[in-house]
Amino acid sequence: MIDSFGYIAGLDVRQINFNARQSGWTAGAGFEYAFARGVSAKIEYLYVDLGSFDNTIVGPAIVAPANIVVHHKYTDNIFRLGVNFHPTW
């Protein structure tokens, strides 16, 4: 991932490349219903939270003498719909 900061029509661009390894948690629920022999439909929901972290870009001394802190927060809501086929041998 790259965080960047530019100013004055892009004359000075500061950027920092970084790798982040995040661990977190997932919670979810689902429902499945067999509506015919060997066929079912399902709906699932997952919430994923991988936490947050800050990344600091050193600001240019002329325009922004302070450092710029970029806050990253990684969460997601996942919905799934599906049809399952259950073969009978």
PDB file of N, CA and C in Angstrom:
ATOM      1  N   MET A   1       0.839  -1.175   0.000  1.00  0.00           N
ATOM      2  CA  MET A   1       0.000   0.000   0.000  1.00  0.00           C
ATOM      3  C   MET A   1       0.883   1.236   0.000  1.00  0.00           C
ATOM      4  N   ILE A   2       0.346   2.321  -0.494  1.00  0.00           N
ATOM      5  CA  ILE A   2       1.090   3.576  -0.549  1.00  0.00           C
ATOM      6  C   ILE A   2       0.216   4.689   0.015  1.00  0.00           C
ATOM      7  N   ASP A   3       0.784   5.474   0.925  1.00  0.00           N
ATOM      8  CA  ASP A   3       0.166   6.722   1.373  1.00  0.00           C
ATOM      9  C   ASP A   3       1.000   7.842   0.774  1.00  0.00           C
ATOM     10  N   SER A   4       0.362   8.889   0.247  1.00  0.00           N
ATOM     11  CA  SER A   4       1.132   9.972  -0.349  1.00  0.00           C
ATOM     12  C   SER A   4       0.510  11.324  -0.012  1.00  0.00           C
ATOM     13  N   PHE A   5       1.332  12.371  -0.111  1.00  0.00           N
ATOM     14  CA  PHE A   5       0.906  13.746   0.135  1.00  0.00           C
ATOM     15  C   PHE A   5       1.602  14.630  -0.885  1.00  0.00           C
ATOM     16  N   GLY A   6       0.857  15.455  -1.617  1.00  0.00           N
ATOM     17  CA  GLY A   6       1.442  16.374  -2.586  1.00  0.00           C
ATOM     18  C   GLY A   6       0.928  17.775  -2.342  1.00  0.00           C
ATOM     19  N   TYR A   7       1.658  18.802  -2.804  1.00  0.00           N
ATOM     20  CA  TYR A   7       1.207  20.182  -2.636  1.00  0.00           C
ATOM     21  C   TYR A   7       1.777  21.048  -3.753  1.00  0.00           C
ATOM     22  N   ILE A   8       1.263  22.242  -3.902  1.00  0.00           N
ATOM     23  CA  ILE A   8       1.654  23.234  -4.903  1.00  0.00           C
ATOM     24  C   ILE A   8       1.766  22.575  -6.284  1.00  0.00           C
ATOM     25  N   ALA A   9       0.624  22.171  -6.799  1.00  0.00           N
ATOM     26  CA  ALA A   9       0.526  21.574  -8.128  1.00  0.00           C
ATOM     27  C   ALA A   9       1.446  20.372  -8.284  1.00  0.00           C
ATOM     28  N   GLY A  10       1.676  19.675  -7.200  1.00  0.00           N
ATOM     29  CA  GLY A  10       2.473  18.452  -7.276  1.00  0.00           C
ATOM     30  C   GLY A  10       3.965  18.668  -7.376  1.00  0.00           C
ATOM     31  N   LEU A  11       4.486  19.854  -7.033  1.00  0.00           N
ATOM     32  CA  LEU A  11       5.930  20.079  -7.123  1.00  0.00           C
ATOM     33  C   LEU A  11       6.711  19.236  -6.131  1.00  0.00           C
ATOM     34  N   ASP A  12       6.132  18.939  -5.030  1.00  0.00           N
ATOM     35  CA  ASP A  12       6.797  18.093  -4.049  1.00  0.00           C
ATOM     36  C   ASP A  12       5.810  17.023  -3.601  1.00  0.00           C
ATOM     37  N   VAL A  13       6.173  15.797  -3.789  1.00  0.00           N
ATOM     38  CA  VAL A  13       5.311  14.693  -3.384  1.00  0.00           C
ATOM     39  C   VAL A  13       6.105  13.808  -2.429  1.00  0.00           C
ATOM     40  N   ARG A  14       5.523  13.583  -1.278  1.00  0.00           N
ATOM     41  CA  ARG A  14       6.124  12.670  -0.307  1.00  0.00           C
ATOM     42  C   ARG A  14       5.255  11.427  -0.275  1.00  0.00           C
ATOM     43  N   GLN A  15       5.867  10.287  -0.255  1.00  0.00           N
ATOM     44  CA  GLN A  15       5.086   9.069  -0.129  1.00  0.00           C
ATOM     45  C   GLN A  15       5.868   8.046   0.662  1.00  0.00           C
ATOM     46  N   ILE A  16       5.130   7.125   1.210  1.00  0.00           N
ATOM     47  CA  ILE A  16       5.746   6.061   1.990  1.00  0.00           C
ATOM     48  C   ILE A  16       5.049   4.755   1.612  1.00  0.00           C
ATOM     49  N   ASN A  17       5.831   3.760   1.327  1.00  0.00           N
ATOM     50  CA  ASN A  17       5.314   2.422   1.061  1.00  0.00           C
ATOM     51  C   ASN A  17       5.343   1.647   2.364  1.00  0.00           C
ATOM     52  N   PHE A  18       4.353   0.824   2.579  1.00  0.00           N
ATOM     53  CA  PHE A  18       4.329   0.064   3.815  1.00  0.00           C
ATOM     54  C   PHE A  18       3.594  -1.245   3.621  1.00  0.00           C
ATOM     55  N   ASN A  19       3.947  -2.196   4.426  1.00  0.00           N
ATOM     56  CA  ASN A  19       3.245  -3.475   4.512  1.00  0.00           C
ATOM     57  C   ASN A  19       2.647  -3.571   5.902  1.00  0.00           C
ATOM     58  N   ALA A  20       1.429  -4.029   5.979  1.00  0.00           N
ATOM     59  CA  ALA A  20       0.776  -4.159   7.276  1.00  0.00           C
ATOM     60  C   ALA A  20       0.223  -5.568   7.420  1.00  0.00           C
ATOM     61  N   ARG A  21       0.535  -6.195   8.507  1.00  0.00           N
ATOM     62  CA  ARG A  21      -0.057  -7.487   8.847  1.00  0.00           C
ATOM     63  C   ARG A  21      -1.023  -7.254   9.988  1.00  0.00           C
ATOM     64  N   GLN A  22      -2.261  -7.485   9.705  1.00  0.00           N
ATOM     65  CA  GLN A  22      -3.297  -7.254  10.696  1.00  0.00           C
ATOM     66  C   GLN A  22      -3.948  -8.576  11.065  1.00  0.00           C
ATOM     67  N   SER A  23      -4.233  -8.731  12.318  1.00  0.00           N
ATOM     68  CA  SER A  23      -5.053  -9.860  12.760  1.00  0.00           C
ATOM     69  C   SER A  23      -6.330  -9.275  13.345  1.00  0.00           C
ATOM     70  N   GLY A  24      -7.357 -10.062  13.332  1.00  0.00           N
ATOM     71  CA  GLY A  24      -8.624  -9.545  13.815  1.00  0.00           C
ATOM     72  C   GLY A  24      -9.598 -10.665  14.096  1.00  0.00           C
ATOM     73  N   TRP A  25     -10.863 -10.357  13.923  1.00  0.00           N
ATOM     74  CA  TRP A  25     -11.892 -11.333  14.250  1.00  0.00           C
ATOM     75  C   TRP A  25     -13.026 -11.257  13.234  1.00  0.00           C
ATOM     76  N   THR A  26     -13.797 -12.331  13.186  1.00  0.00           N
ATOM     77  CA  THR A  26     -14.949 -12.435  12.284  1.00  0.00           C
ATOM     78  C   THR A  26     -16.114 -13.035  13.043  1.00  0.00           C
ATOM     79  N   ALA A  27     -17.300 -12.504  12.823  1.00  0.00           N
ATOM     80  CA  ALA A  27     -18.523 -13.072  13.397  1.00  0.00           C
ATOM     81  C   ALA A  27     -19.558 -13.145  12.278  1.00  0.00           C
ATOM     82  N   GLY A  28     -20.394 -14.143  12.337  1.00  0.00           N
ATOM     83  CA  GLY A  28     -21.377 -14.264  11.276  1.00  0.00           C
ATOM     84  C   GLY A  28     -22.514 -15.196  11.644  1.00  0.00           C
ATOM     85  N   ALA A  29     -23.468 -15.258  10.732  1.00  0.00           N
ATOM     86  CA  ALA A  29     -24.623 -16.133  10.901  1.00  0.00           C
ATOM     87  C   ALA A  29     -25.131 -16.501   9.515  1.00  0.00           C
ATOM     88  N   GLY A  30     -25.875 -17.582   9.472  1.00  0.00           N
ATOM     89  CA  GLY A  30     -26.416 -18.004   8.190  1.00  0.00           C
ATOM     90  C   GLY A  30     -27.658 -18.855   8.365  1.00  0.00           C
ATOM     91  N   PHE A  31     -28.342 -19.052   7.249  1.00  0.00           N
ATOM     92  CA  PHE A  31     -29.557 -19.854   7.241  1.00  0.00           C
ATOM     93  C   PHE A  31     -29.587 -20.626   5.935  1.00  0.00           C
ATOM     94  N   GLU A  32     -29.938 -21.910   6.019  1.00  0.00           N
ATOM     95  CA  GLU A  32     -30.052 -22.739   4.826  1.00  0.00           C
ATOM     96  C   GLU A  32     -31.379 -23.486   4.869  1.00  0.00           C
ATOM     97  N   TYR A  33     -32.055 -23.547   3.722  1.00  0.00           N
ATOM     98  CA  TYR A  33     -33.364 -24.176   3.643  1.00  0.00           C
ATOM     99  C   TYR A  33     -33.413 -25.107   2.431  1.00  0.00           C
ATOM    100  N   ALA A  34     -33.775 -26.368   2.684  1.00  0.00           N
ATOM    101  CA  ALA A  34     -33.928 -27.337   1.593  1.00  0.00           C
ATOM    102  C   ALA A  34     -35.331 -27.190   1.017  1.00  0.00           C
ATOM    103  N   PHE A  35     -35.424 -26.686  -0.213  1.00  0.00           N
ATOM    104  CA  PHE A  35     -36.742 -26.462  -0.807  1.00  0.00           C
ATOM    105  C   PHE A  35     -37.125 -27.535  -1.822  1.00  0.00           C
ATOM    106  N   ALA A  36     -36.226 -28.408  -2.149  1.00  0.00           N
ATOM    107  CA  ALA A  36     -36.527 -29.543  -3.032  1.00  0.00           C
ATOM    108  C   ALA A  36     -35.550 -30.664  -2.686  1.00  0.00           C
ATOM    109  N   ARG A  37     -35.842 -31.845  -3.149  1.00  0.00           N
ATOM    110  CA  ARG A  37     -34.945 -32.973  -2.860  1.00  0.00           C
ATOM    111  C   ARG A  37     -33.584 -32.728  -3.527  1.00  0.00           C
ATOM    112  N   GLY A  38     -32.552 -32.640  -2.708  1.00  0.00           N
ATOM    113  CA  GLY A  38     -31.196 -32.444  -3.210  1.00  0.00           C
ATOM    114  C   GLY A  38     -30.825 -31.012  -3.550  1.00  0.00           C
ATOM    115  N   VAL A  39     -31.680 -30.040  -3.228  1.00  0.00           N
ATOM    116  CA  VAL A  39     -31.382 -28.638  -3.539  1.00  0.00           C
ATOM    117  C   VAL A  39     -31.760 -27.774  -2.337  1.00  0.00           C
ATOM    118  N   SER A  40     -30.849 -26.893  -1.949  1.00  0.00           N
ATOM    119  CA  SER A  40     -31.132 -25.972  -0.842  1.00  0.00           C
ATOM    120  C   SER A  40     -30.622 -24.581  -1.205  1.00  0.00           C
ATOM    121  N   ALA A  41     -31.187 -23.588  -0.558  1.00  0.00           N
ATOM    122  CA  ALA A  41     -30.760 -22.200  -0.732  1.00  0.00           C
ATOM    123  C   ALA A  41     -30.219 -21.702   0.594  1.00  0.00           C
ATOM    124  N   LYS A  42     -29.245 -20.796   0.511  1.00  0.00           N
ATOM    125  CA  LYS A  42     -28.648 -20.295   1.747  1.00  0.00           C
ATOM    126  C   LYS A  42     -28.407 -18.797   1.649  1.00  0.00           C
ATOM    127  N   ILE A  43     -28.358 -18.177   2.837  1.00  0.00           N
ATOM    128  CA  ILE A  43     -27.978 -16.777   2.977  1.00  0.00           C
ATOM    129  C   ILE A  43     -27.037 -16.702   4.180  1.00  0.00           C
ATOM    130  N   GLU A  44     -25.951 -15.942   4.018  1.00  0.00           N
ATOM    131  CA  GLU A  44     -24.952 -15.826   5.078  1.00  0.00           C
ATOM    132  C   GLU A  44     -24.558 -14.358   5.252  1.00  0.00           C
ATOM    133  N   TYR A  45     -24.149 -14.014   6.460  1.00  0.00           N
ATOM    134  CA  TYR A  45     -23.632 -12.679   6.755  1.00  0.00           C
ATOM    135  C   TYR A  45     -22.368 -12.829   7.592  1.00  0.00           C
ATOM    136  N   LEU A  46     -21.332 -12.081   7.240  1.00  0.00           N
ATOM    137  CA  LEU A  46     -20.091 -12.058   8.012  1.00  0.00           C
ATOM    138  C   LEU A  46     -19.698 -10.610   8.286  1.00  0.00           C
ATOM    139  N   TYR A  47     -19.229 -10.357   9.495  1.00  0.00           N
ATOM    140  CA  TYR A  47     -18.626  -9.070   9.828  1.00  0.00           C
ATOM    141  C   TYR A  47     -17.158  -9.337  10.112  1.00  0.00           C
ATOM    142  N   VAL A  48     -16.274  -8.616   9.447  1.00  0.00           N
ATOM    143  CA  VAL A  48     -14.830  -8.794   9.600  1.00  0.00           C
ATOM    144  C   VAL A  48     -14.245  -7.507  10.158  1.00  0.00           C
ATOM    145  N   ASP A  49     -13.435  -7.615  11.200  1.00  0.00           N
ATOM    146  CA  ASP A  49     -12.743  -6.461  11.782  1.00  0.00           C
ATOM    147  C   ASP A  49     -11.270  -6.813  11.921  1.00  0.00           C
ATOM    148  N   LEU A  50     -10.420  -6.124  11.149  1.00  0.00           N
ATOM    149  CA  LEU A  50      -8.981  -6.372  11.190  1.00  0.00           C
ATOM    150  C   LEU A  50      -8.237  -5.270  11.932  1.00  0.00           C
ATOM    151  N   GLY A  51      -8.947  -4.491  12.707  1.00  0.00           N
ATOM    152  CA  GLY A  51      -8.306  -3.479  13.536  1.00  0.00           C
ATOM    153  C   GLY A  51      -7.930  -2.227  12.763  1.00  0.00           C
ATOM    154  N   SER A  52      -7.077  -1.431  13.349  1.00  0.00           N
ATOM    155  CA  SER A  52      -6.662  -0.178  12.727  1.00  0.00           C
ATOM    156  C   SER A  52      -5.201   0.094  13.063  1.00  0.00           C
ATOM    157  N   PHE A  53      -4.587   0.983  12.282  1.00  0.00           N
ATOM    158  CA  PHE A  53      -3.231   1.431  12.564  1.00  0.00           C
ATOM    159  C   PHE A  53      -3.022   2.786  11.913  1.00  0.00           C
ATOM    160  N   ASP A  54      -2.014   3.494  12.368  1.00  0.00           N
ATOM    161  CA  ASP A  54      -1.669   4.803  11.832  1.00  0.00           C
ATOM    162  C   ASP A  54      -0.351   4.717  11.071  1.00  0.00           C
ATOM    163  N   ASN A  55      -0.242   5.513  10.016  1.00  0.00           N
ATOM    164  CA  ASN A  55       0.974   5.597   9.233  1.00  0.00           C
ATOM    165  C   ASN A  55       1.366   7.068   9.176  1.00  0.00           C
ATOM    166  N   THR A  56       2.645   7.382   9.358  1.00  0.00           N
ATOM    167  CA  THR A  56       3.103   8.761   9.407  1.00  0.00           C
ATOM    168  C   THR A  56       3.916   9.107   8.163  1.00  0.00           C
ATOM    169  N   ILE A  57       3.541  10.205   7.488  1.00  0.00           N
ATOM    170  CA  ILE A  57       4.298  10.748   6.368  1.00  0.00           C
ATOM    171  C   ILE A  57       4.970  12.014   6.862  1.00  0.00           C
ATOM    172  N   VAL A  58       6.276  12.122   6.677  1.00  0.00           N
ATOM    173  CA  VAL A  58       6.995  13.309   7.116  1.00  0.00           C
ATOM    174  C   VAL A  58       6.631  14.448   6.170  1.00  0.00           C
ATOM    175  N   GLY A  59       6.018  15.503   6.728  1.00  0.00           N
ATOM    176  CA  GLY A  59       5.555  16.628   5.918  1.00  0.00           C
ATOM    177  C   GLY A  59       6.705  17.512   5.463  1.00  0.00           C
ATOM    178  N   PRO A  60       6.547  18.162   4.290  1.00  0.00           N
ATOM    179  CA  PRO A  60       7.572  19.092   3.820  1.00  0.00           C
ATOM    180  C   PRO A  60       7.646  20.314   4.732  1.00  0.00           C
ATOM    181  N   ALA A  61       8.843  20.788   5.006  1.00  0.00           N
ATOM    182  CA  ALA A  61       9.050  21.863   5.976  1.00  0.00           C
ATOM    183  C   ALA A  61       8.441  23.189   5.536  1.00  0.00           C
ATOM    184  N   ILE A  62       8.310  23.440   4.242  1.00  0.00           N
ATOM    185  CA  ILE A  62       7.824  24.738   3.768  1.00  0.00           C
ATOM    186  C   ILE A  62       6.317  24.877   3.983  1.00  0.00           C
ATOM    187  N   VAL A  63       5.557  23.874   3.602  1.00  0.00           N
ATOM    188  CA  VAL A  63       4.102  23.978   3.636  1.00  0.00           C
ATOM    189  C   VAL A  63       3.507  23.395   4.908  1.00  0.00           C
ATOM    190  N   ALA A  64       3.944  22.227   5.258  1.00  0.00           N
ATOM    191  CA  ALA A  64       3.363  21.538   6.415  1.00  0.00           C
ATOM    192  C   ALA A  64       4.494  21.029   7.289  1.00  0.00           C
ATOM    193  N   PRO A  65       4.966  21.853   8.195  1.00  0.00           N
ATOM    194  CA  PRO A  65       6.110  21.426   9.005  1.00  0.00           C
ATOM    195  C   PRO A  65       5.805  20.241   9.912  1.00  0.00           C
ATOM    196  N   ALA A  66       4.546  19.957  10.132  1.00  0.00           N
ATOM    197  CA  ALA A  66       4.190  18.830  10.985  1.00  0.00           C
ATOM    198  C   ALA A  66       4.081  17.561  10.139  1.00  0.00           C
ATOM    199  N   ASN A  67       4.198  16.443  10.783  1.00  0.00           N
ATOM    200  CA  ASN A  67       4.010  15.174  10.093  1.00  0.00           C
ATOM    201  C   ASN A  67       2.530  14.955   9.823  1.00  0.00           C
ATOM    202  N   ILE A  68       2.247  14.174   8.809  1.00  0.00           N
ATOM    203  CA  ILE A  68       0.870  13.858   8.435  1.00  0.00           C
ATOM    204  C   ILE A  68       0.608  12.418   8.856  1.00  0.00           C
ATOM    205  N   VAL A  69      -0.429  12.227   9.635  1.00  0.00           N
ATOM    206  CA  VAL A  69      -0.771  10.896  10.112  1.00  0.00           C
ATOM    207  C   VAL A  69      -1.992  10.406   9.346  1.00  0.00           C
ATOM    208  N   VAL A  70      -1.851   9.241   8.731  1.00  0.00           N
ATOM    209  CA  VAL A  70      -2.948   8.633   7.990  1.00  0.00           C
ATOM    210  C   VAL A  70      -3.476   7.469   8.820  1.00  0.00           C
ATOM    211  N   HIS A  71      -4.767   7.495   9.099  1.00  0.00           N
ATOM    212  CA  HIS A  71      -5.396   6.466   9.927  1.00  0.00           C
ATOM    213  C   HIS A  71      -6.080   5.446   9.020  1.00  0.00           C
ATOM    214  N   HIS A  72      -5.764   4.179   9.211  1.00  0.00           N
ATOM    215  CA  HIS A  72      -6.369   3.095   8.434  1.00  0.00           C
ATOM    216  C   HIS A  72      -7.204   2.228   9.369  1.00  0.00           C
ATOM    217  N   LYS A  73      -8.427   1.929   8.961  1.00  0.00           N
ATOM    218  CA  LYS A  73      -9.292   1.025   9.723  1.00  0.00           C
ATOM    219  C   LYS A  73      -9.908   0.055   8.731  1.00  0.00           C
ATOM    220  N   TYR A  74      -9.744  -1.223   8.996  1.00  0.00           N
ATOM    221  CA  TYR A  74     -10.192  -2.251   8.073  1.00  0.00           C
ATOM    222  C   TYR A  74     -11.332  -3.059   8.669  1.00  0.00           C
ATOM    223  N   THR A  75     -12.524  -2.834   8.135  1.00  0.00           N
ATOM    224  CA  THR A  75     -13.702  -3.618   8.487  1.00  0.00           C
ATOM    225  C   THR A  75     -14.449  -3.939   7.204  1.00  0.00           C
ATOM    226  N   ASP A  76     -15.278  -4.957   7.245  1.00  0.00           N
ATOM    227  CA  ASP A  76     -16.063  -5.309   6.074  1.00  0.00           C
ATOM    228  C   ASP A  76     -17.330  -6.026   6.499  1.00  0.00           C
ATOM    229  N   ASN A  77     -18.374  -5.866   5.699  1.00  0.00           N
ATOM    230  CA  ASN A  77     -19.634  -6.584   5.852  1.00  0.00           C
ATOM    231  C   ASN A  77     -19.808  -7.424   4.596  1.00  0.00           C
ATOM    232  N   ILE A  78     -19.957  -8.721   4.761  1.00  0.00           N
ATOM    233  CA  ILE A  78     -20.040  -9.631   3.624  1.00  0.00           C
ATOM    234  C   ILE A  78     -21.385 -10.351   3.671  1.00  0.00           C
ATOM    235  N   PHE A  79     -22.114 -10.264   2.572  1.00  0.00           N
ATOM    236  CA  PHE A  79     -23.381 -10.984   2.421  1.00  0.00           C
ATOM    237  C   PHE A  79     -23.206 -12.010   1.310  1.00  0.00           C
ATOM    238  N   ARG A  80     -23.704 -13.220   1.538  1.00  0.00           N
ATOM    239  CA  ARG A  80     -23.618 -14.275   0.531  1.00  0.00           C
ATOM    240  C   ARG A  80     -24.980 -14.923   0.341  1.00  0.00           C
ATOM    241  N   LEU A  81     -25.317 -15.148  -0.907  1.00  0.00           N
ATOM    242  CA  LEU A  81     -26.494 -15.918  -1.273  1.00  0.00           C
ATOM    243  C   LEU A  81     -25.994 -17.102  -2.082  1.00  0.00           C
ATOM    244  N   GLY A  82     -26.626 -18.248  -1.915  1.00  0.00           N
ATOM    245  CA  GLY A  82     -26.167 -19.392  -2.680  1.00  0.00           C
ATOM    246  C   GLY A  82     -27.211 -20.480  -2.805  1.00  0.00           C
ATOM    247  N   VAL A  83     -26.945 -21.356  -3.747  1.00  0.00           N
ATOM    248  CA  VAL A  83     -27.758 -22.553  -3.938  1.00  0.00           C
ATOM    249  C   VAL A  83     -26.824 -23.741  -3.860  1.00  0.00           C
ATOM    250  N   ASN A  84     -27.187 -24.721  -3.062  1.00  0.00           N
ATOM    251  CA  ASN A  84     -26.380 -25.931  -2.905  1.00  0.00           C
ATOM    252  C   ASN A  84     -27.119 -27.113  -3.534  1.00  0.00           C
ATOM    253  N   PHE A  85     -26.373 -27.907  -4.256  1.00  0.00           N
ATOM    254  CA  PHE A  85     -26.898 -29.124  -4.826  1.00  0.00           C
ATOM    255  C   PHE A  85     -26.307 -30.303  -4.077  1.00  0.00           C
ATOM    256  N   HIS A  86     -27.151 -31.198  -3.593  1.00  0.00           N
ATOM    257  CA  HIS A  86     -26.734 -32.344  -2.794  1.00  0.00           C
ATOM    258  C   HIS A  86     -27.011 -33.613  -3.586  1.00  0.00           C
ATOM    259  N   PRO A  87     -26.005 -34.108  -4.334  1.00  0.00           N
ATOM    260  CA  PRO A  87     -26.247 -35.289  -5.147  1.00  0.00           C
ATOM    261  C   PRO A  87     -26.453 -36.525  -4.256  1.00  0.00           C
ATOM    262  N   THR A  88     -27.321 -37.375  -4.696  1.00  0.00           N
ATOM    263  CA  THR A  88     -27.546 -38.644  -4.001  1.00  0.00           C
ATOM    264  C   THR A  88     -26.992 -39.743  -4.884  1.00  0.00           C
ATOM    265  N   TRP A  89     -25.985 -40.419  -4.416  1.00  0.00           N
ATOM    266  CA  TRP A  89     -25.310 -41.439  -5.226  1.00  0.00           C
ATOM    267  C   TRP A  89     -26.106 -42.716  -5.189  1.00  0.00           C
TER     268      TRP A  89
END
